[in-house]
Amino acid sequence: MGFFKHKNNETESYDKENLVPIIHASICTGEMVVGFKDKRDGKFTEIMLIQSPEDLEKFKKTYNIKEDIKKEY
């Protein structure tokens, strides 16, 4: 019996027509977050903090992203 649900490496979907995966990186601190930017209005939705290359790979695997993700500063 557990309180937390564990995902079994299931992929999730996103609106590929209107959303672009983007890494937001801070020039000052180097902190990086990955999420999706809406092509229509430019709004960025943060999904997760990237603390290691493995975190980025987990994000890409979760959303079935094969291409490189562009960074914005």
PDB file of N, CA and C in Angstrom:
ATOM      1  N   MET A   1       0.856  -1.182   0.000  1.00  0.00           N
ATOM      2  CA  MET A   1       0.000   0.000   0.000  1.00  0.00           C
ATOM      3  C   MET A   1       0.892   1.232   0.000  1.00  0.00           C
ATOM      4  N   GLY A   2       0.711   2.091  -1.000  1.00  0.00           N
ATOM      5  CA  GLY A   2       1.536   3.284  -1.080  1.00  0.00           C
ATOM      6  C   GLY A   2       0.687   4.515  -1.315  1.00  0.00           C
ATOM      7  N   PHE A   3       1.264   5.615  -0.988  1.00  0.00           N
ATOM      8  CA  PHE A   3       0.565   6.879  -1.167  1.00  0.00           C
ATOM      9  C   PHE A   3       0.860   7.514  -2.508  1.00  0.00           C
ATOM     10  N   PHE A   4       1.953   7.113  -3.132  1.00  0.00           N
ATOM     11  CA  PHE A   4       2.372   7.738  -4.375  1.00  0.00           C
ATOM     12  C   PHE A   4       2.198   6.787  -5.534  1.00  0.00           C
ATOM     13  N   LYS A   5       1.687   7.322  -6.626  1.00  0.00           N
ATOM     14  CA  LYS A   5       1.552   6.531  -7.852  1.00  0.00           C
ATOM     15  C   LYS A   5       2.843   6.640  -8.638  1.00  0.00           C
ATOM     16  N   HIS A   6       3.346   5.539  -9.107  1.00  0.00           N
ATOM     17  CA  HIS A   6       4.540   5.543  -9.937  1.00  0.00           C
ATOM     18  C   HIS A   6       4.127   5.276 -11.364  1.00  0.00           C
ATOM     19  N   LYS A   7       4.609   6.124 -12.265  1.00  0.00           N
ATOM     20  CA  LYS A   7       4.323   5.895 -13.675  1.00  0.00           C
ATOM     21  C   LYS A   7       5.280   4.838 -14.191  1.00  0.00           C
ATOM     22  N   ASN A   8       4.796   3.998 -15.032  1.00  0.00           N
ATOM     23  CA  ASN A   8       5.605   2.934 -15.602  1.00  0.00           C
ATOM     24  C   ASN A   8       6.189   3.357 -16.939  1.00  0.00           C
ATOM     25  N   ASN A   9       6.926   4.477 -16.923  1.00  0.00           N
ATOM     26  CA  ASN A   9       7.559   4.990 -18.133  1.00  0.00           C
ATOM     27  C   ASN A   9       6.553   5.173 -19.269  1.00  0.00           C
ATOM     28  N   GLU A  10       5.345   5.573 -18.929  1.00  0.00           N
ATOM     29  CA  GLU A  10       4.319   5.817 -19.936  1.00  0.00           C
ATOM     30  C   GLU A  10       4.627   7.129 -20.641  1.00  0.00           C
ATOM     31  N   THR A  11       4.342   7.182 -21.922  1.00  0.00           N
ATOM     32  CA  THR A  11       4.527   8.428 -22.645  1.00  0.00           C
ATOM     33  C   THR A  11       3.262   9.264 -22.513  1.00  0.00           C
ATOM     34  N   GLU A  12       3.466  10.559 -22.522  1.00  0.00           N
ATOM     35  CA  GLU A  12       2.351  11.497 -22.485  1.00  0.00           C
ATOM     36  C   GLU A  12       2.346  12.246 -23.802  1.00  0.00           C
ATOM     37  N   SER A  13       1.212  12.824 -24.131  1.00  0.00           N
ATOM     38  CA  SER A  13       1.125  13.537 -25.396  1.00  0.00           C
ATOM     39  C   SER A  13       1.012  15.039 -25.144  1.00  0.00           C
ATOM     40  N   TYR A  14       1.330  15.787 -26.182  1.00  0.00           N
ATOM     41  CA  TYR A  14       1.164  17.239 -26.154  1.00  0.00           C
ATOM     42  C   TYR A  14       0.748  17.679 -27.550  1.00  0.00           C
ATOM     43  N   ASP A  15       0.237  18.871 -27.675  1.00  0.00           N
ATOM     44  CA  ASP A  15      -0.257  19.415 -28.937  1.00  0.00           C
ATOM     45  C   ASP A  15       0.934  19.816 -29.809  1.00  0.00           C
ATOM     46  N   LYS A  16       1.405  18.896 -30.644  1.00  0.00           N
ATOM     47  CA  LYS A  16       2.593  19.134 -31.467  1.00  0.00           C
ATOM     48  C   LYS A  16       2.383  20.228 -32.508  1.00  0.00           C
ATOM     49  N   GLU A  17       1.150  20.488 -32.847  1.00  0.00           N
ATOM     50  CA  GLU A  17       0.863  21.531 -33.833  1.00  0.00           C
ATOM     51  C   GLU A  17       1.043  22.925 -33.246  1.00  0.00           C
ATOM     52  N   ASN A  18       0.712  23.095 -31.960  1.00  0.00           N
ATOM     53  CA  ASN A  18       0.737  24.422 -31.346  1.00  0.00           C
ATOM     54  C   ASN A  18       1.796  24.608 -30.267  1.00  0.00           C
ATOM     55  N   LEU A  19       2.432  23.532 -29.805  1.00  0.00           N
ATOM     56  CA  LEU A  19       3.418  23.634 -28.735  1.00  0.00           C
ATOM     57  C   LEU A  19       4.782  23.156 -29.202  1.00  0.00           C
ATOM     58  N   VAL A  20       5.827  23.844 -28.726  1.00  0.00           N
ATOM     59  CA  VAL A  20       7.207  23.500 -29.066  1.00  0.00           C
ATOM     60  C   VAL A  20       7.952  23.235 -27.755  1.00  0.00           C
ATOM     61  N   PRO A  21       8.681  22.114 -27.639  1.00  0.00           N
ATOM     62  CA  PRO A  21       9.480  21.903 -26.426  1.00  0.00           C
ATOM     63  C   PRO A  21      10.660  22.877 -26.405  1.00  0.00           C
ATOM     64  N   ILE A  22      10.876  23.522 -25.260  1.00  0.00           N
ATOM     65  CA  ILE A  22      11.914  24.552 -25.111  1.00  0.00           C
ATOM     66  C   ILE A  22      12.582  24.363 -23.750  1.00  0.00           C
ATOM     67  N   ILE A  23      13.895  24.633 -23.707  1.00  0.00           N
ATOM     68  CA  ILE A  23      14.611  24.702 -22.431  1.00  0.00           C
ATOM     69  C   ILE A  23      14.822  26.179 -22.125  1.00  0.00           C
ATOM     70  N   HIS A  24      14.349  26.621 -20.958  1.00  0.00           N
ATOM     71  CA  HIS A  24      14.626  27.975 -20.499  1.00  0.00           C
ATOM     72  C   HIS A  24      15.835  27.884 -19.589  1.00  0.00           C
ATOM     73  N   ALA A  25      16.897  28.619 -19.938  1.00  0.00           N
ATOM     74  CA  ALA A  25      18.130  28.595 -19.162  1.00  0.00           C
ATOM     75  C   ALA A  25      18.447  29.991 -18.659  1.00  0.00           C
ATOM     76  N   SER A  26      18.873  30.073 -17.412  1.00  0.00           N
ATOM     77  CA  SER A  26      19.259  31.349 -16.823  1.00  0.00           C
ATOM     78  C   SER A  26      20.723  31.622 -17.141  1.00  0.00           C
ATOM     79  N   ILE A  27      21.013  32.809 -17.656  1.00  0.00           N
ATOM     80  CA  ILE A  27      22.390  33.190 -17.942  1.00  0.00           C
ATOM     81  C   ILE A  27      23.168  33.344 -16.632  1.00  0.00           C
ATOM     82  N   CYS A  28      22.528  33.864 -15.609  1.00  0.00           N
ATOM     83  CA  CYS A  28      23.205  34.155 -14.342  1.00  0.00           C
ATOM     84  C   CYS A  28      23.491  32.893 -13.526  1.00  0.00           C
ATOM     85  N   THR A  29      22.482  32.070 -13.336  1.00  0.00           N
ATOM     86  CA  THR A  29      22.630  30.921 -12.433  1.00  0.00           C
ATOM     87  C   THR A  29      22.870  29.602 -13.153  1.00  0.00           C
ATOM     88  N   GLY A  30      22.549  29.554 -14.426  1.00  0.00           N
ATOM     89  CA  GLY A  30      22.692  28.303 -15.164  1.00  0.00           C
ATOM     90  C   GLY A  30      21.534  27.352 -14.962  1.00  0.00           C
ATOM     91  N   GLU A  31      20.553  27.751 -14.151  1.00  0.00           N
ATOM     92  CA  GLU A  31      19.386  26.895 -13.911  1.00  0.00           C
ATOM     93  C   GLU A  31      18.623  26.686 -15.217  1.00  0.00           C
ATOM     94  N   MET A  32      18.180  25.452 -15.431  1.00  0.00           N
ATOM     95  CA  MET A  32      17.430  25.135 -16.648  1.00  0.00           C
ATOM     96  C   MET A  32      16.115  24.458 -16.295  1.00  0.00           C
ATOM     97  N   VAL A  33      15.061  24.885 -16.957  1.00  0.00           N
ATOM     98  CA  VAL A  33      13.761  24.227 -16.862  1.00  0.00           C
ATOM     99  C   VAL A  33      13.307  23.917 -18.276  1.00  0.00           C
ATOM    100  N   VAL A  34      12.591  22.836 -18.409  1.00  0.00           N
ATOM    101  CA  VAL A  34      12.099  22.434 -19.723  1.00  0.00           C
ATOM    102  C   VAL A  34      10.580  22.444 -19.689  1.00  0.00           C
ATOM    103  N   GLY A  35      10.004  22.807 -20.810  1.00  0.00           N
ATOM    104  CA  GLY A  35       8.554  22.859 -20.907  1.00  0.00           C
ATOM    105  C   GLY A  35       8.146  23.081 -22.343  1.00  0.00           C
ATOM    106  N   PHE A  36       6.969  23.640 -22.504  1.00  0.00           N
ATOM    107  CA  PHE A  36       6.431  23.855 -23.842  1.00  0.00           C
ATOM    108  C   PHE A  36       6.075  25.324 -24.041  1.00  0.00           C
ATOM    109  N   LYS A  37       6.420  25.840 -25.237  1.00  0.00           N
ATOM    110  CA  LYS A  37       6.085  27.209 -25.609  1.00  0.00           C
ATOM    111  C   LYS A  37       4.985  27.161 -26.652  1.00  0.00           C
ATOM    112  N   ASP A  38       3.940  27.936 -26.411  1.00  0.00           N
ATOM    113  CA  ASP A  38       2.813  27.998 -27.335  1.00  0.00           C
ATOM    114  C   ASP A  38       3.202  28.860 -28.534  1.00  0.00           C
ATOM    115  N   LYS A  39       3.076  28.305 -29.732  1.00  0.00           N
ATOM    116  CA  LYS A  39       3.427  29.031 -30.958  1.00  0.00           C
ATOM    117  C   LYS A  39       2.524  30.234 -31.181  1.00  0.00           C
ATOM    118  N   ARG A  40       1.293  30.166 -30.686  1.00  0.00           N
ATOM    119  CA  ARG A  40       0.317  31.224 -30.961  1.00  0.00           C
ATOM    120  C   ARG A  40       0.561  32.471 -30.135  1.00  0.00           C
ATOM    121  N   ASP A  41       0.835  32.308 -28.832  1.00  0.00           N
ATOM    122  CA  ASP A  41       0.973  33.491 -27.981  1.00  0.00           C
ATOM    123  C   ASP A  41       2.318  33.592 -27.269  1.00  0.00           C
ATOM    124  N   GLY A  42       3.198  32.604 -27.456  1.00  0.00           N
ATOM    125  CA  GLY A  42       4.528  32.649 -26.855  1.00  0.00           C
ATOM    126  C   GLY A  42       4.576  32.278 -25.385  1.00  0.00           C
ATOM    127  N   LYS A  43       3.443  31.890 -24.815  1.00  0.00           N
ATOM    128  CA  LYS A  43       3.396  31.535 -23.394  1.00  0.00           C
ATOM    129  C   LYS A  43       4.182  30.247 -23.151  1.00  0.00           C
ATOM    130  N   PHE A  44       5.036  30.256 -22.112  1.00  0.00           N
ATOM    131  CA  PHE A  44       5.840  29.097 -21.749  1.00  0.00           C
ATOM    132  C   PHE A  44       5.215  28.404 -20.548  1.00  0.00           C
ATOM    133  N   THR A  45       5.050  27.088 -20.634  1.00  0.00           N
ATOM    134  CA  THR A  45       4.540  26.287 -19.530  1.00  0.00           C
ATOM    135  C   THR A  45       5.661  25.383 -19.043  1.00  0.00           C
ATOM    136  N   GLU A  46       6.106  25.620 -17.824  1.00  0.00           N
ATOM    137  CA  GLU A  46       7.204  24.862 -17.233  1.00  0.00           C
ATOM    138  C   GLU A  46       6.727  23.462 -16.850  1.00  0.00           C
ATOM    139  N   ILE A  47       7.523  22.448 -17.197  1.00  0.00           N
ATOM    140  CA  ILE A  47       7.188  21.072 -16.853  1.00  0.00           C
ATOM    141  C   ILE A  47       8.101  20.536 -15.760  1.00  0.00           C
ATOM    142  N   MET A  48       9.420  20.691 -15.941  1.00  0.00           N
ATOM    143  CA  MET A  48      10.322  20.165 -14.925  1.00  0.00           C
ATOM    144  C   MET A  48      11.667  20.883 -14.913  1.00  0.00           C
ATOM    145  N   LEU A  49      12.326  20.831 -13.744  1.00  0.00           N
ATOM    146  CA  LEU A  49      13.665  21.364 -13.568  1.00  0.00           C
ATOM    147  C   LEU A  49      14.663  20.354 -14.108  1.00  0.00           C
ATOM    148  N   ILE A  50      15.667  20.837 -14.837  1.00  0.00           N
ATOM    149  CA  ILE A  50      16.700  19.963 -15.381  1.00  0.00           C
ATOM    150  C   ILE A  50      17.953  20.132 -14.516  1.00  0.00           C
ATOM    151  N   GLN A  51      18.305  19.082 -13.785  1.00  0.00           N
ATOM    152  CA  GLN A  51      19.492  19.125 -12.941  1.00  0.00           C
ATOM    153  C   GLN A  51      20.609  18.231 -13.471  1.00  0.00           C
ATOM    154  N   SER A  52      20.300  17.409 -14.459  1.00  0.00           N
ATOM    155  CA  SER A  52      21.296  16.510 -15.033  1.00  0.00           C
ATOM    156  C   SER A  52      20.864  16.125 -16.449  1.00  0.00           C
ATOM    157  N   PRO A  53      21.774  15.609 -17.246  1.00  0.00           N
ATOM    158  CA  PRO A  53      21.401  15.145 -18.590  1.00  0.00           C
ATOM    159  C   PRO A  53      20.326  14.044 -18.536  1.00  0.00           C
ATOM    160  N   GLU A  54      20.321  13.276 -17.462  1.00  0.00           N
ATOM    161  CA  GLU A  54      19.319  12.217 -17.312  1.00  0.00           C
ATOM    162  C   GLU A  54      17.914  12.795 -17.176  1.00  0.00           C
ATOM    163  N   ASP A  55      17.789  13.957 -16.518  1.00  0.00           N
ATOM    164  CA  ASP A  55      16.479  14.609 -16.387  1.00  0.00           C
ATOM    165  C   ASP A  55      15.939  15.001 -17.762  1.00  0.00           C
ATOM    166  N   LEU A  56      16.810  15.539 -18.604  1.00  0.00           N
ATOM    167  CA  LEU A  56      16.392  15.929 -19.946  1.00  0.00           C
ATOM    168  C   LEU A  56      15.977  14.703 -20.754  1.00  0.00           C
ATOM    169  N   GLU A  57      16.726  13.627 -20.635  1.00  0.00           N
ATOM    170  CA  GLU A  57      16.377  12.391 -21.350  1.00  0.00           C
ATOM    171  C   GLU A  57      15.043  11.833 -20.859  1.00  0.00           C
ATOM    172  N   LYS A  58      14.789  11.950 -19.566  1.00  0.00           N
ATOM    173  CA  LYS A  58      13.512  11.488 -19.008  1.00  0.00           C
ATOM    174  C   LYS A  58      12.354  12.294 -19.604  1.00  0.00           C
ATOM    175  N   PHE A  59      12.530  13.619 -19.701  1.00  0.00           N
ATOM    176  CA  PHE A  59      11.509  14.481 -20.295  1.00  0.00           C
ATOM    177  C   PHE A  59      11.258  14.070 -21.746  1.00  0.00           C
ATOM    178  N   LYS A  60      12.349  13.907 -22.507  1.00  0.00           N
ATOM    179  CA  LYS A  60      12.214  13.547 -23.916  1.00  0.00           C
ATOM    180  C   LYS A  60      11.539  12.191 -24.082  1.00  0.00           C
ATOM    181  N   LYS A  61      11.855  11.257 -23.224  1.00  0.00           N
ATOM    182  CA  LYS A  61      11.239   9.926 -23.300  1.00  0.00           C
ATOM    183  C   LYS A  61       9.756  10.000 -22.930  1.00  0.00           C
ATOM    184  N   THR A  62       9.440  10.780 -21.901  1.00  0.00           N
ATOM    185  CA  THR A  62       8.052  10.910 -21.449  1.00  0.00           C
ATOM    186  C   THR A  62       7.159  11.459 -22.549  1.00  0.00           C
ATOM    187  N   TYR A  63       7.669  12.445 -23.307  1.00  0.00           N
ATOM    188  CA  TYR A  63       6.863  13.088 -24.342  1.00  0.00           C
ATOM    189  C   TYR A  63       7.221  12.615 -25.752  1.00  0.00           C
ATOM    190  N   ASN A  64       8.017  11.549 -25.843  1.00  0.00           N
ATOM    191  CA  ASN A  64       8.388  10.937 -27.118  1.00  0.00           C
ATOM    192  C   ASN A  64       8.981  11.974 -28.085  1.00  0.00           C
ATOM    193  N   ILE A  65       9.974  12.720 -27.586  1.00  0.00           N
ATOM    194  CA  ILE A  65      10.644  13.750 -28.378  1.00  0.00           C
ATOM    195  C   ILE A  65      11.979  13.188 -28.842  1.00  0.00           C
ATOM    196  N   LYS A  66      12.167  13.126 -30.134  1.00  0.00           N
ATOM    197  CA  LYS A  66      13.389  12.549 -30.711  1.00  0.00           C
ATOM    198  C   LYS A  66      14.423  13.626 -31.052  1.00  0.00           C
ATOM    199  N   GLU A  67      13.969  14.818 -31.450  1.00  0.00           N
ATOM    200  CA  GLU A  67      14.873  15.867 -31.889  1.00  0.00           C
ATOM    201  C   GLU A  67      15.479  16.612 -30.691  1.00  0.00           C
ATOM    202  N   ASP A  68      16.540  17.388 -30.973  1.00  0.00           N
ATOM    203  CA  ASP A  68      17.158  18.221 -29.938  1.00  0.00           C
ATOM    204  C   ASP A  68      16.175  19.321 -29.535  1.00  0.00           C
ATOM    205  N   ILE A  69      16.265  19.741 -28.298  1.00  0.00           N
ATOM    206  CA  ILE A  69      15.388  20.786 -27.778  1.00  0.00           C
ATOM    207  C   ILE A  69      16.170  22.091 -27.729  1.00  0.00           C
ATOM    208  N   LYS A  70      15.599  23.137 -28.326  1.00  0.00           N
ATOM    209  CA  LYS A  70      16.217  24.457 -28.397  1.00  0.00           C
ATOM    210  C   LYS A  70      16.247  25.113 -27.015  1.00  0.00           C
ATOM    211  N   LYS A  71      17.341  25.853 -26.745  1.00  0.00           N
ATOM    212  CA  LYS A  71      17.466  26.611 -25.498  1.00  0.00           C
ATOM    213  C   LYS A  71      17.124  28.075 -25.740  1.00  0.00           C
ATOM    214  N   GLU A  72      16.454  28.662 -24.774  1.00  0.00           N
ATOM    215  CA  GLU A  72      16.200  30.106 -24.775  1.00  0.00           C
ATOM    216  C   GLU A  72      16.749  30.674 -23.469  1.00  0.00           C
ATOM    217  N   TYR A  73      17.365  31.839 -23.567  1.00  0.00           N
ATOM    218  CA  TYR A  73      17.949  32.474 -22.386  1.00  0.00           C
ATOM    219  C   TYR A  73      17.173  33.697 -21.984  1.00  0.00           C
TER     220      TYR A  73
END
